[in-house]
PDB file of all heavy atoms in Angstrom:
ATOM      1  N   ALA A   1      70.727  69.375  85.466  1.00  0.00           N
ATOM      2  CA  ALA A   1      70.872  68.948  84.076  1.00  0.00           C
ATOM      3  C   ALA A   1      72.320  69.021  83.596  1.00  0.00           C
ATOM      4  O   ALA A   1      72.828  68.093  82.950  1.00  0.00           O
ATOM      5  CB  ALA A   1      69.969  69.786  83.177  1.00  0.00           C
ATOM      6  N   MET A   2      73.002  70.133  83.893  1.00  0.00           N
ATOM      7  CA  MET A   2      74.387  70.268  83.440  1.00  0.00           C
ATOM      8  C   MET A   2      75.289  69.217  84.084  1.00  0.00           C
ATOM      9  O   MET A   2      76.134  68.611  83.415  1.00  0.00           O
ATOM     10  CB  MET A   2      74.919  71.666  83.751  1.00  0.00           C
ATOM     11  CG  MET A   2      76.382  71.873  83.370  1.00  0.00           C
ATOM     12  SD  MET A   2      76.972  73.559  83.614  1.00  0.00           S
ATOM     13  CE  MET A   2      76.196  74.382  82.219  1.00  0.00           C
ATOM     14  N   PHE A   3      75.101  68.960  85.370  1.00  0.00           N
ATOM     15  CA  PHE A   3      75.928  67.982  86.068  1.00  0.00           C
ATOM     16  C   PHE A   3      75.653  66.572  85.552  1.00  0.00           C
ATOM     17  O   PHE A   3      76.562  65.740  85.463  1.00  0.00           O
ATOM     18  CB  PHE A   3      75.675  68.068  87.570  1.00  0.00           C
ATOM     19  CG  PHE A   3      75.985  69.417  88.154  1.00  0.00           C
ATOM     20  CD1 PHE A   3      74.956  70.280  88.518  1.00  0.00           C
ATOM     21  CD2 PHE A   3      77.295  69.850  88.311  1.00  0.00           C
ATOM     22  CE1 PHE A   3      75.233  71.529  89.045  1.00  0.00           C
ATOM     23  CE2 PHE A   3      77.579  71.108  88.836  1.00  0.00           C
ATOM     24  CZ  PHE A   3      76.554  71.948  89.192  1.00  0.00           C
ATOM     25  N   GLN A   4      74.404  66.308  85.208  1.00  0.00           N
ATOM     26  CA  GLN A   4      74.067  65.001  84.636  1.00  0.00           C
ATOM     27  C   GLN A   4      74.728  64.800  83.280  1.00  0.00           C
ATOM     28  O   GLN A   4      75.159  63.700  82.943  1.00  0.00           O
ATOM     29  CB  GLN A   4      72.543  64.863  84.525  1.00  0.00           C
ATOM     30  CG  GLN A   4      71.844  64.755  85.866  1.00  0.00           C
ATOM     31  CD  GLN A   4      70.337  64.872  85.756  1.00  0.00           C
ATOM     32  OE1 GLN A   4      69.799  65.289  84.719  1.00  0.00           O
ATOM     33  NE2 GLN A   4      69.622  64.519  86.828  1.00  0.00           N
ATOM     34  N   MET A   5      74.828  65.877  82.499  1.00  0.00           N
ATOM     35  CA  MET A   5      75.521  65.784  81.215  1.00  0.00           C
ATOM     36  C   MET A   5      77.007  65.506  81.423  1.00  0.00           C
ATOM     37  O   MET A   5      77.618  64.711  80.711  1.00  0.00           O
ATOM     38  CB  MET A   5      75.340  67.073  80.419  1.00  0.00           C
ATOM     39  CG  MET A   5      75.935  67.009  79.010  1.00  0.00           C
ATOM     40  SD  MET A   5      75.955  68.598  78.161  1.00  0.00           S
ATOM     41  CE  MET A   5      77.376  69.377  78.916  1.00  0.00           C
ATOM     42  N   PHE A   6      77.609  66.159  82.427  1.00  0.00           N
ATOM     43  CA  PHE A   6      79.034  65.968  82.701  1.00  0.00           C
ATOM     44  C   PHE A   6      79.348  64.551  83.168  1.00  0.00           C
ATOM     45  O   PHE A   6      80.460  64.054  82.964  1.00  0.00           O
ATOM     46  CB  PHE A   6      79.503  66.951  83.778  1.00  0.00           C
ATOM     47  CG  PHE A   6      79.575  68.379  83.321  1.00  0.00           C
ATOM     48  CD1 PHE A   6      79.536  69.415  84.247  1.00  0.00           C
ATOM     49  CD2 PHE A   6      79.686  68.705  81.973  1.00  0.00           C
ATOM     50  CE1 PHE A   6      79.604  70.738  83.846  1.00  0.00           C
ATOM     51  CE2 PHE A   6      79.743  70.026  81.561  1.00  0.00           C
ATOM     52  CZ  PHE A   6      79.711  71.041  82.497  1.00  0.00           C
ATOM     53  N   ASP A   7      78.378  63.889  83.814  1.00  0.00           N
ATOM     54  CA  ASP A   7      78.630  62.578  84.417  1.00  0.00           C
ATOM     55  C   ASP A   7      79.173  61.561  83.431  1.00  0.00           C
ATOM     56  O   ASP A   7      79.948  60.671  83.815  1.00  0.00           O
ATOM     57  CB  ASP A   7      77.339  62.033  85.051  1.00  0.00           C
ATOM     58  CG  ASP A   7      77.036  62.676  86.392  1.00  0.00           C
ATOM     59  OD1 ASP A   7      77.938  63.316  86.970  1.00  0.00           O
ATOM     60  OD2 ASP A   7      75.884  62.553  86.860  1.00  0.00           O
ATOM     61  N   VAL A   8      78.750  61.647  82.167  1.00  0.00           N
ATOM     62  CA  VAL A   8      79.151  60.633  81.188  1.00  0.00           C
ATOM     63  C   VAL A   8      80.294  61.120  80.294  1.00  0.00           C
ATOM     64  O   VAL A   8      80.655  60.440  79.325  1.00  0.00           O
ATOM     65  CB  VAL A   8      77.952  60.208  80.313  1.00  0.00           C
ATOM     66  CG1 VAL A   8      76.903  59.514  81.167  1.00  0.00           C
ATOM     67  CG2 VAL A   8      77.339  61.405  79.606  1.00  0.00           C
ATOM     68  N   LEU A   9      80.860  62.294  80.594  1.00  0.00           N
ATOM     69  CA  LEU A   9      81.980  62.816  79.818  1.00  0.00           C
ATOM     70  C   LEU A   9      83.299  62.485  80.501  1.00  0.00           C
ATOM     71  O   LEU A   9      83.345  62.317  81.729  1.00  0.00           O
ATOM     72  CB  LEU A   9      81.859  64.345  79.663  1.00  0.00           C
ATOM     73  CG  LEU A   9      80.648  64.888  78.912  1.00  0.00           C
ATOM     74  CD1 LEU A   9      80.708  66.420  78.877  1.00  0.00           C
ATOM     75  CD2 LEU A   9      80.575  64.334  77.503  1.00  0.00           C
ATOM     76  N   PRO A  10      84.388  62.383  79.754  1.00  0.00           N
ATOM     77  CA  PRO A  10      85.704  62.249  80.392  1.00  0.00           C
ATOM     78  C   PRO A  10      85.957  63.437  81.311  1.00  0.00           C
ATOM     79  O   PRO A  10      85.570  64.567  80.991  1.00  0.00           O
ATOM     80  CB  PRO A  10      86.669  62.256  79.196  1.00  0.00           C
ATOM     81  CG  PRO A  10      85.846  61.815  78.028  1.00  0.00           C
ATOM     82  CD  PRO A  10      84.462  62.338  78.286  1.00  0.00           C
ATOM     83  N   TYR A  11      86.590  63.200  82.427  1.00  0.00           N
ATOM     84  CA  TYR A  11      86.874  64.243  83.425  1.00  0.00           C
ATOM     85  C   TYR A  11      85.581  64.886  83.932  1.00  0.00           C
ATOM     86  O   TYR A  11      85.554  66.075  84.270  1.00  0.00           O
ATOM     87  CB  TYR A  11      87.801  65.326  82.853  1.00  0.00           C
ATOM     88  CG  TYR A  11      89.031  64.796  82.181  1.00  0.00           C
ATOM     89  CD1 TYR A  11      89.138  64.814  80.790  1.00  0.00           C
ATOM     90  CD2 TYR A  11      90.077  64.253  82.930  1.00  0.00           C
ATOM     91  CE1 TYR A  11      90.274  64.306  80.163  1.00  0.00           C
ATOM     92  CE2 TYR A  11      91.209  63.753  82.308  1.00  0.00           C
ATOM     93  CZ  TYR A  11      91.303  63.777  80.920  1.00  0.00           C
ATOM     94  OH  TYR A  11      92.424  63.267  80.309  1.00  0.00           O
ATOM     95  N   GLY A  12      84.512  64.101  83.972  1.00  0.00           N
ATOM     96  CA  GLY A  12      83.218  64.640  84.368  1.00  0.00           C
ATOM     97  C   GLY A  12      83.223  65.247  85.762  1.00  0.00           C
ATOM     98  O   GLY A  12      82.611  66.294  85.990  1.00  0.00           O
ATOM     99  N   SER A  13      83.910  64.617  86.714  1.00  0.00           N
ATOM    100  CA  SER A  13      83.950  65.150  88.078  1.00  0.00           C
ATOM    101  C   SER A  13      84.653  66.499  88.119  1.00  0.00           C
ATOM    102  O   SER A  13      84.216  67.426  88.811  1.00  0.00           O
ATOM    103  CB  SER A  13      84.669  64.162  89.003  1.00  0.00           C
ATOM    104  OG  SER A  13      83.949  62.948  89.096  1.00  0.00           O
ATOM    105  N   LEU A  14      85.752  66.614  87.355  1.00  0.00           N
ATOM    106  CA  LEU A  14      86.474  67.881  87.300  1.00  0.00           C
ATOM    107  C   LEU A  14      85.597  68.969  86.691  1.00  0.00           C
ATOM    108  O   LEU A  14      85.554  70.110  87.186  1.00  0.00           O
ATOM    109  CB  LEU A  14      87.764  67.726  86.495  1.00  0.00           C
ATOM    110  CG  LEU A  14      88.589  69.007  86.262  1.00  0.00           C
ATOM    111  CD1 LEU A  14      89.024  69.605  87.596  1.00  0.00           C
ATOM    112  CD2 LEU A  14      89.798  68.713  85.376  1.00  0.00           C
ATOM    113  N   LEU A  15      84.883  68.634  85.624  1.00  0.00           N
ATOM    114  CA  LEU A  15      83.993  69.605  84.985  1.00  0.00           C
ATOM    115  C   LEU A  15      82.899  70.063  85.954  1.00  0.00           C
ATOM    116  O   LEU A  15      82.556  71.250  86.006  1.00  0.00           O
ATOM    117  CB  LEU A  15      83.345  68.984  83.741  1.00  0.00           C
ATOM    118  CG  LEU A  15      84.277  68.650  82.571  1.00  0.00           C
ATOM    119  CD1 LEU A  15      83.515  67.897  81.483  1.00  0.00           C
ATOM    120  CD2 LEU A  15      84.896  69.910  81.998  1.00  0.00           C
ATOM    121  N   SER A  16      82.372  69.130  86.737  1.00  0.00           N
ATOM    122  CA  SER A  16      81.322  69.489  87.695  1.00  0.00           C
ATOM    123  C   SER A  16      81.855  70.401  88.789  1.00  0.00           C
ATOM    124  O   SER A  16      81.168  71.343  89.212  1.00  0.00           O
ATOM    125  CB  SER A  16      80.726  68.218  88.321  1.00  0.00           C
ATOM    126  OG  SER A  16      80.012  67.466  87.362  1.00  0.00           O
ATOM    127  N   ILE A  17      83.072  70.145  89.248  1.00  0.00           N
ATOM    128  CA  ILE A  17      83.666  70.999  90.286  1.00  0.00           C
ATOM    129  C   ILE A  17      83.871  72.409  89.741  1.00  0.00           C
ATOM    130  O   ILE A  17      83.560  73.404  90.410  1.00  0.00           O
ATOM    131  CB  ILE A  17      85.005  70.398  90.769  1.00  0.00           C
ATOM    132  CG1 ILE A  17      84.758  69.099  91.543  1.00  0.00           C
ATOM    133  CG2 ILE A  17      85.756  71.399  91.647  1.00  0.00           C
ATOM    134  CD1 ILE A  17      86.008  68.335  91.898  1.00  0.00           C
ATOM    135  N   ILE A  18      84.386  72.512  88.507  1.00  0.00           N
ATOM    136  CA  ILE A  18      84.572  73.832  87.893  1.00  0.00           C
ATOM    137  C   ILE A  18      83.235  74.534  87.747  1.00  0.00           C
ATOM    138  O   ILE A  18      83.112  75.749  87.991  1.00  0.00           O
ATOM    139  CB  ILE A  18      85.257  73.693  86.513  1.00  0.00           C
ATOM    140  CG1 ILE A  18      86.681  73.155  86.674  1.00  0.00           C
ATOM    141  CG2 ILE A  18      85.291  75.039  85.785  1.00  0.00           C
ATOM    142  CD1 ILE A  18      87.367  72.832  85.352  1.00  0.00           C
ATOM    143  N   ALA A  19      82.194  73.785  87.375  1.00  0.00           N
ATOM    144  CA  ALA A  19      80.864  74.377  87.199  1.00  0.00           C
ATOM    145  C   ALA A  19      80.316  74.916  88.517  1.00  0.00           C
ATOM    146  O   ALA A  19      79.725  76.006  88.555  1.00  0.00           O
ATOM    147  CB  ALA A  19      79.903  73.347  86.614  1.00  0.00           C
ATOM    148  N   VAL A  20      80.505  74.183  89.607  1.00  0.00           N
ATOM    149  CA  VAL A  20      80.040  74.652  90.916  1.00  0.00           C
ATOM    150  C   VAL A  20      80.752  75.945  91.297  1.00  0.00           C
ATOM    151  O   VAL A  20      80.127  76.911  91.757  1.00  0.00           O
ATOM    152  CB  VAL A  20      80.265  73.570  91.996  1.00  0.00           C
ATOM    153  CG1 VAL A  20      80.027  74.152  93.386  1.00  0.00           C
ATOM    154  CG2 VAL A  20      79.346  72.381  91.774  1.00  0.00           C
ATOM    155  N   VAL A  21      82.068  75.970  91.102  1.00  0.00           N
ATOM    156  CA  VAL A  21      82.849  77.176  91.399  1.00  0.00           C
ATOM    157  C   VAL A  21      82.351  78.350  90.556  1.00  0.00           C
ATOM    158  O   VAL A  21      82.176  79.470  91.051  1.00  0.00           O
ATOM    159  CB  VAL A  21      84.352  76.939  91.151  1.00  0.00           C
ATOM    160  CG1 VAL A  21      85.133  78.251  91.257  1.00  0.00           C
ATOM    161  CG2 VAL A  21      84.894  75.918  92.135  1.00  0.00           C
ATOM    162  N   LEU A  22      82.100  78.088  89.279  1.00  0.00           N
ATOM    163  CA  LEU A  22      81.664  79.150  88.376  1.00  0.00           C
ATOM    164  C   LEU A  22      80.298  79.694  88.775  1.00  0.00           C
ATOM    165  O   LEU A  22      80.063  80.913  88.732  1.00  0.00           O
ATOM    166  CB  LEU A  22      81.628  78.621  86.941  1.00  0.00           C
ATOM    167  CG  LEU A  22      81.400  79.647  85.828  1.00  0.00           C
ATOM    168  CD1 LEU A  22      82.430  80.759  85.888  1.00  0.00           C
ATOM    169  CD2 LEU A  22      81.442  78.957  84.459  1.00  0.00           C
ATOM    170  N   VAL A  23      79.385  78.805  89.173  1.00  0.00           N
ATOM    171  CA  VAL A  23      78.073  79.248  89.626  1.00  0.00           C
ATOM    172  C   VAL A  23      78.212  80.187  90.815  1.00  0.00           C
ATOM    173  O   VAL A  23      77.595  81.267  90.869  1.00  0.00           O
ATOM    174  CB  VAL A  23      77.189  78.034  90.006  1.00  0.00           C
ATOM    175  CG1 VAL A  23      75.949  78.490  90.779  1.00  0.00           C
ATOM    176  CG2 VAL A  23      76.757  77.282  88.754  1.00  0.00           C
ATOM    177  N   LEU A  24      79.053  79.832  91.767  1.00  0.00           N
ATOM    178  CA  LEU A  24      79.243  80.645  92.962  1.00  0.00           C
ATOM    179  C   LEU A  24      79.867  81.999  92.623  1.00  0.00           C
ATOM    180  O   LEU A  24      79.460  83.040  93.152  1.00  0.00           O
ATOM    181  CB  LEU A  24      80.112  79.900  93.973  1.00  0.00           C
ATOM    182  CG  LEU A  24      79.486  78.635  94.577  1.00  0.00           C
ATOM    183  CD1 LEU A  24      80.490  77.912  95.459  1.00  0.00           C
ATOM    184  CD2 LEU A  24      78.235  78.971  95.376  1.00  0.00           C
ATOM    185  N   VAL A  25      80.847  82.003  91.728  1.00  0.00           N
ATOM    186  CA  VAL A  25      81.510  83.262  91.371  1.00  0.00           C
ATOM    187  C   VAL A  25      80.558  84.174  90.602  1.00  0.00           C
ATOM    188  O   VAL A  25      80.545  85.389  90.793  1.00  0.00           O
ATOM    189  CB  VAL A  25      82.792  83.000  90.552  1.00  0.00           C
ATOM    190  CG1 VAL A  25      83.454  84.318  90.151  1.00  0.00           C
ATOM    191  CG2 VAL A  25      83.777  82.171  91.361  1.00  0.00           C
ATOM    192  N   PHE A  26      79.733  83.592  89.728  1.00  0.00           N
ATOM    193  CA  PHE A  26      78.720  84.392  89.026  1.00  0.00           C
ATOM    194  C   PHE A  26      77.740  85.022  90.022  1.00  0.00           C
ATOM    195  O   PHE A  26      77.308  86.161  89.848  1.00  0.00           O
ATOM    196  CB  PHE A  26      77.953  83.531  88.023  1.00  0.00           C
ATOM    197  CG  PHE A  26      78.553  83.517  86.652  1.00  0.00           C
ATOM    198  CD1 PHE A  26      78.804  82.321  85.993  1.00  0.00           C
ATOM    199  CD2 PHE A  26      78.872  84.692  85.997  1.00  0.00           C
ATOM    200  CE1 PHE A  26      79.356  82.304  84.719  1.00  0.00           C
ATOM    201  CE2 PHE A  26      79.418  84.689  84.713  1.00  0.00           C
ATOM    202  CZ  PHE A  26      79.660  83.489  84.080  1.00  0.00           C
TER     203      PHE A  26
END
């Protein structure tokens, strides 16, 4: 769901990469 929301935002790919990193660090 979060990645789907990012898809239509500016810099969506960058936001998704940061989100993946954050999930792993958490």
